[in-house]
């Protein structure tokens, strides 16, 4: 089951989280400098990420980016998701 669902379609799993920097394994690509909007699958909490880099990783795309406008609650949810993976 994926952790995030993108607004424009597709899904992503959290691979790593360090502060506001995140690494995702996504079903869709996004160019560096772009913004991707989505929501957590478990409760619908909105998330916005500025993409720093994106590269193909097998059948998926590895997206490195920075979480924008993150609240303490969102950060705690993301930490829980990464640690459960």
N, C-alpha and C. Protein backbone atom coordinates (compact mmCIF):
# COMPACT_ATOMS: atom_id res chain seq x y z
N UNK A 1 0.84 -1.18 0.00
CA UNK A 1 0.00 0.00 0.00
C UNK A 1 0.88 1.24 0.00
N UNK A 2 0.54 2.21 -0.82
CA UNK A 2 1.33 3.44 -0.94
C UNK A 2 1.04 4.39 0.23
N UNK A 3 2.02 5.25 0.50
CA UNK A 3 1.86 6.23 1.57
C UNK A 3 1.17 7.50 1.10
N UNK A 4 1.46 7.91 -0.18
CA UNK A 4 0.92 9.17 -0.71
C UNK A 4 0.16 8.93 -2.00
N UNK A 5 -0.82 9.74 -2.23
CA UNK A 5 -1.54 9.74 -3.51
C UNK A 5 -1.42 11.14 -4.09
N UNK A 6 -0.88 11.24 -5.32
CA UNK A 6 -0.69 12.54 -5.97
C UNK A 6 -2.02 13.10 -6.48
N UNK A 7 -2.17 14.41 -6.43
CA UNK A 7 -3.37 15.09 -6.90
C UNK A 7 -3.58 14.85 -8.40
N UNK A 8 -2.50 14.86 -9.17
CA UNK A 8 -2.59 14.68 -10.63
C UNK A 8 -2.57 13.22 -11.05
N UNK A 9 -2.64 12.31 -10.09
CA UNK A 9 -2.63 10.88 -10.40
C UNK A 9 -1.30 10.26 -10.05
N UNK A 10 -1.36 9.04 -9.62
CA UNK A 10 -0.16 8.32 -9.24
C UNK A 10 -0.03 8.22 -7.73
N UNK A 11 0.93 7.42 -7.31
CA UNK A 11 1.15 7.18 -5.90
C UNK A 11 2.64 7.18 -5.60
N UNK A 12 2.96 7.26 -4.31
CA UNK A 12 4.36 7.24 -3.90
C UNK A 12 4.51 6.61 -2.53
N UNK A 13 5.67 6.01 -2.30
CA UNK A 13 6.04 5.47 -1.00
C UNK A 13 7.18 6.31 -0.45
N UNK A 14 7.15 6.55 0.85
CA UNK A 14 8.25 7.24 1.52
C UNK A 14 9.41 6.27 1.67
N UNK A 15 10.58 6.70 1.24
CA UNK A 15 11.78 5.88 1.36
C UNK A 15 12.64 6.39 2.50
N UNK A 16 12.82 7.71 2.58
CA UNK A 16 13.65 8.31 3.62
C UNK A 16 13.14 9.70 3.97
N UNK A 17 13.38 10.09 5.20
CA UNK A 17 12.98 11.40 5.69
C UNK A 17 14.06 11.92 6.61
N UNK A 18 14.56 13.12 6.32
CA UNK A 18 15.57 13.75 7.15
C UNK A 18 15.23 15.23 7.25
N UNK A 19 14.65 15.62 8.38
CA UNK A 19 14.15 16.99 8.52
C UNK A 19 13.01 17.21 7.55
N UNK A 20 13.15 18.23 6.69
CA UNK A 20 12.13 18.51 5.67
C UNK A 20 12.47 17.87 4.33
N UNK A 21 13.61 17.19 4.25
CA UNK A 21 14.02 16.55 3.00
C UNK A 21 13.48 15.13 2.95
N UNK A 22 12.94 14.77 1.80
CA UNK A 22 12.27 13.48 1.66
C UNK A 22 12.73 12.79 0.37
N UNK A 23 12.77 11.47 0.42
CA UNK A 23 13.02 10.66 -0.77
C UNK A 23 11.81 9.76 -0.95
N UNK A 24 11.28 9.75 -2.17
CA UNK A 24 10.08 9.00 -2.48
C UNK A 24 10.31 8.05 -3.63
N UNK A 25 9.57 6.96 -3.65
CA UNK A 25 9.52 6.06 -4.79
C UNK A 25 8.13 6.24 -5.38
N UNK A 26 8.08 6.88 -6.56
CA UNK A 26 6.81 7.31 -7.15
C UNK A 26 6.48 6.57 -8.44
N UNK A 27 5.19 6.45 -8.72
CA UNK A 27 4.75 5.84 -9.98
C UNK A 27 4.82 6.84 -11.12
N UNK A 28 4.94 8.13 -10.81
CA UNK A 28 5.03 9.17 -11.84
C UNK A 28 6.27 10.02 -11.61
N UNK A 29 6.77 10.62 -12.68
CA UNK A 29 7.95 11.48 -12.56
C UNK A 29 7.53 12.93 -12.40
N UNK A 30 8.48 13.75 -11.99
CA UNK A 30 8.27 15.19 -11.85
C UNK A 30 9.62 15.87 -12.01
N UNK A 31 9.73 16.87 -12.87
CA UNK A 31 11.03 17.48 -13.13
C UNK A 31 11.55 18.31 -11.96
N UNK A 32 12.87 18.43 -11.84
CA UNK A 32 13.45 19.27 -10.79
C UNK A 32 12.90 20.69 -10.86
N UNK A 33 12.63 21.26 -9.70
CA UNK A 33 12.08 22.61 -9.61
C UNK A 33 10.57 22.65 -9.59
N UNK A 34 9.93 21.54 -9.91
CA UNK A 34 8.47 21.52 -9.91
C UNK A 34 7.93 21.27 -8.50
N UNK A 35 6.65 21.49 -8.35
CA UNK A 35 5.96 21.24 -7.10
C UNK A 35 4.96 20.11 -7.33
N UNK A 36 4.90 19.16 -6.41
CA UNK A 36 3.91 18.10 -6.49
C UNK A 36 3.02 18.15 -5.25
N UNK A 37 1.74 18.07 -5.49
CA UNK A 37 0.75 18.10 -4.41
C UNK A 37 0.13 16.73 -4.27
N UNK A 38 -0.15 16.37 -3.04
CA UNK A 38 -0.77 15.08 -2.80
C UNK A 38 -1.37 15.04 -1.41
N UNK A 39 -1.69 13.83 -0.98
CA UNK A 39 -2.28 13.63 0.34
C UNK A 39 -1.84 12.28 0.88
N UNK A 40 -1.76 12.19 2.19
CA UNK A 40 -1.45 10.92 2.82
C UNK A 40 -2.64 9.98 2.62
N UNK A 41 -2.36 8.76 2.27
CA UNK A 41 -3.43 7.79 1.99
C UNK A 41 -4.22 7.48 3.26
N UNK A 42 -3.55 7.39 4.40
CA UNK A 42 -4.22 6.95 5.62
C UNK A 42 -5.24 7.93 6.18
N UNK A 43 -5.03 9.24 6.01
CA UNK A 43 -6.00 10.19 6.57
C UNK A 43 -6.29 11.42 5.70
N UNK A 44 -5.69 11.51 4.52
CA UNK A 44 -5.98 12.61 3.61
C UNK A 44 -5.28 13.92 3.90
N UNK A 45 -4.30 13.92 4.82
CA UNK A 45 -3.55 15.14 5.13
C UNK A 45 -2.80 15.59 3.89
N UNK A 46 -2.97 16.88 3.54
CA UNK A 46 -2.32 17.43 2.34
C UNK A 46 -0.82 17.56 2.53
N UNK A 47 -0.09 17.36 1.43
CA UNK A 47 1.36 17.51 1.44
C UNK A 47 1.80 18.13 0.11
N UNK A 48 2.78 19.01 0.19
CA UNK A 48 3.33 19.66 -1.01
C UNK A 48 4.84 19.54 -0.96
N UNK A 49 5.42 19.13 -2.08
CA UNK A 49 6.86 18.88 -2.15
C UNK A 49 7.46 19.61 -3.33
N UNK A 50 8.60 20.28 -3.08
CA UNK A 50 9.36 20.88 -4.17
C UNK A 50 10.43 19.87 -4.57
N UNK A 51 10.42 19.50 -5.84
CA UNK A 51 11.30 18.44 -6.34
C UNK A 51 12.71 18.99 -6.56
N UNK A 52 13.69 18.32 -5.98
CA UNK A 52 15.10 18.66 -6.16
C UNK A 52 15.72 17.81 -7.27
N UNK A 53 15.25 16.57 -7.37
CA UNK A 53 15.78 15.68 -8.39
C UNK A 53 14.83 14.51 -8.61
N UNK A 54 14.87 13.96 -9.82
CA UNK A 54 14.02 12.83 -10.15
C UNK A 54 14.77 11.95 -11.15
N UNK A 55 14.81 10.65 -10.87
CA UNK A 55 15.47 9.72 -11.80
C UNK A 55 14.72 8.40 -11.80
N UNK A 56 14.82 7.71 -12.91
CA UNK A 56 14.15 6.42 -13.06
C UNK A 56 14.85 5.40 -12.17
N UNK A 57 14.04 4.59 -11.51
CA UNK A 57 14.54 3.55 -10.62
C UNK A 57 13.73 2.29 -10.89
N UNK A 58 14.12 1.57 -11.92
CA UNK A 58 13.35 0.40 -12.34
C UNK A 58 12.04 0.82 -12.98
N UNK A 59 10.93 0.32 -12.46
CA UNK A 59 9.60 0.66 -12.97
C UNK A 59 9.06 1.95 -12.37
N UNK A 60 9.74 2.50 -11.37
CA UNK A 60 9.26 3.69 -10.66
C UNK A 60 10.27 4.83 -10.82
N UNK A 61 9.99 5.94 -10.15
CA UNK A 61 10.86 7.11 -10.17
C UNK A 61 11.25 7.46 -8.74
N UNK A 62 12.52 7.76 -8.56
CA UNK A 62 13.01 8.18 -7.25
C UNK A 62 13.00 9.70 -7.23
N UNK A 63 12.21 10.26 -6.36
CA UNK A 63 12.08 11.72 -6.26
C UNK A 63 12.71 12.18 -4.95
N UNK A 64 13.65 13.12 -5.05
CA UNK A 64 14.24 13.77 -3.89
C UNK A 64 13.68 15.18 -3.84
N UNK A 65 13.25 15.60 -2.67
CA UNK A 65 12.66 16.92 -2.58
C UNK A 65 12.58 17.44 -1.16
N UNK A 66 11.91 18.57 -1.02
CA UNK A 66 11.73 19.23 0.27
C UNK A 66 10.25 19.44 0.52
N UNK A 67 9.80 19.06 1.70
CA UNK A 67 8.41 19.25 2.07
C UNK A 67 8.19 20.72 2.39
N UNK A 68 7.15 21.30 1.81
CA UNK A 68 6.82 22.71 2.04
C UNK A 68 5.67 22.83 3.04
N UNK A 69 5.70 23.87 3.84
CA UNK A 69 4.61 24.19 4.77
C UNK A 69 4.23 23.01 5.66
N UNK A 70 5.22 22.31 6.17
CA UNK A 70 4.90 21.13 6.99
C UNK A 70 4.64 21.53 8.44
N UNK A 71 3.63 20.94 8.99
CA UNK A 71 3.30 21.16 10.40
C UNK A 71 3.99 20.07 11.24
N UNK A 72 4.01 20.27 12.53
CA UNK A 72 4.61 19.28 13.41
C UNK A 72 3.84 17.96 13.31
N UNK A 73 2.53 18.05 13.20
CA UNK A 73 1.69 16.85 13.08
C UNK A 73 2.04 16.07 11.82
N UNK A 74 2.21 16.77 10.68
CA UNK A 74 2.56 16.11 9.43
C UNK A 74 3.92 15.43 9.54
N UNK A 75 4.89 16.12 10.12
CA UNK A 75 6.22 15.54 10.28
C UNK A 75 6.18 14.26 11.13
N UNK A 76 5.38 14.28 12.21
CA UNK A 76 5.26 13.09 13.06
C UNK A 76 4.60 11.94 12.30
N UNK A 77 3.61 12.25 11.48
CA UNK A 77 2.96 11.22 10.66
C UNK A 77 3.94 10.60 9.67
N UNK A 78 4.76 11.44 9.04
CA UNK A 78 5.74 10.96 8.07
C UNK A 78 6.82 10.10 8.74
N UNK A 79 7.27 10.51 9.92
CA UNK A 79 8.25 9.72 10.65
C UNK A 79 7.67 8.34 10.98
N UNK A 80 6.41 8.30 11.38
CA UNK A 80 5.76 7.02 11.70
C UNK A 80 5.67 6.15 10.45
N UNK A 81 5.35 6.74 9.30
CA UNK A 81 5.25 5.97 8.06
C UNK A 81 6.59 5.41 7.63
N UNK A 82 7.65 6.20 7.75
CA UNK A 82 8.99 5.74 7.35
C UNK A 82 9.46 4.63 8.29
N UNK A 83 9.22 4.78 9.57
CA UNK A 83 9.70 3.78 10.52
C UNK A 83 8.90 2.47 10.43
N UNK A 84 7.67 2.54 9.93
CA UNK A 84 6.87 1.32 9.78
C UNK A 84 7.20 0.55 8.51
N UNK A 85 7.93 1.20 7.59
CA UNK A 85 8.27 0.55 6.30
C UNK A 85 9.42 -0.41 6.44
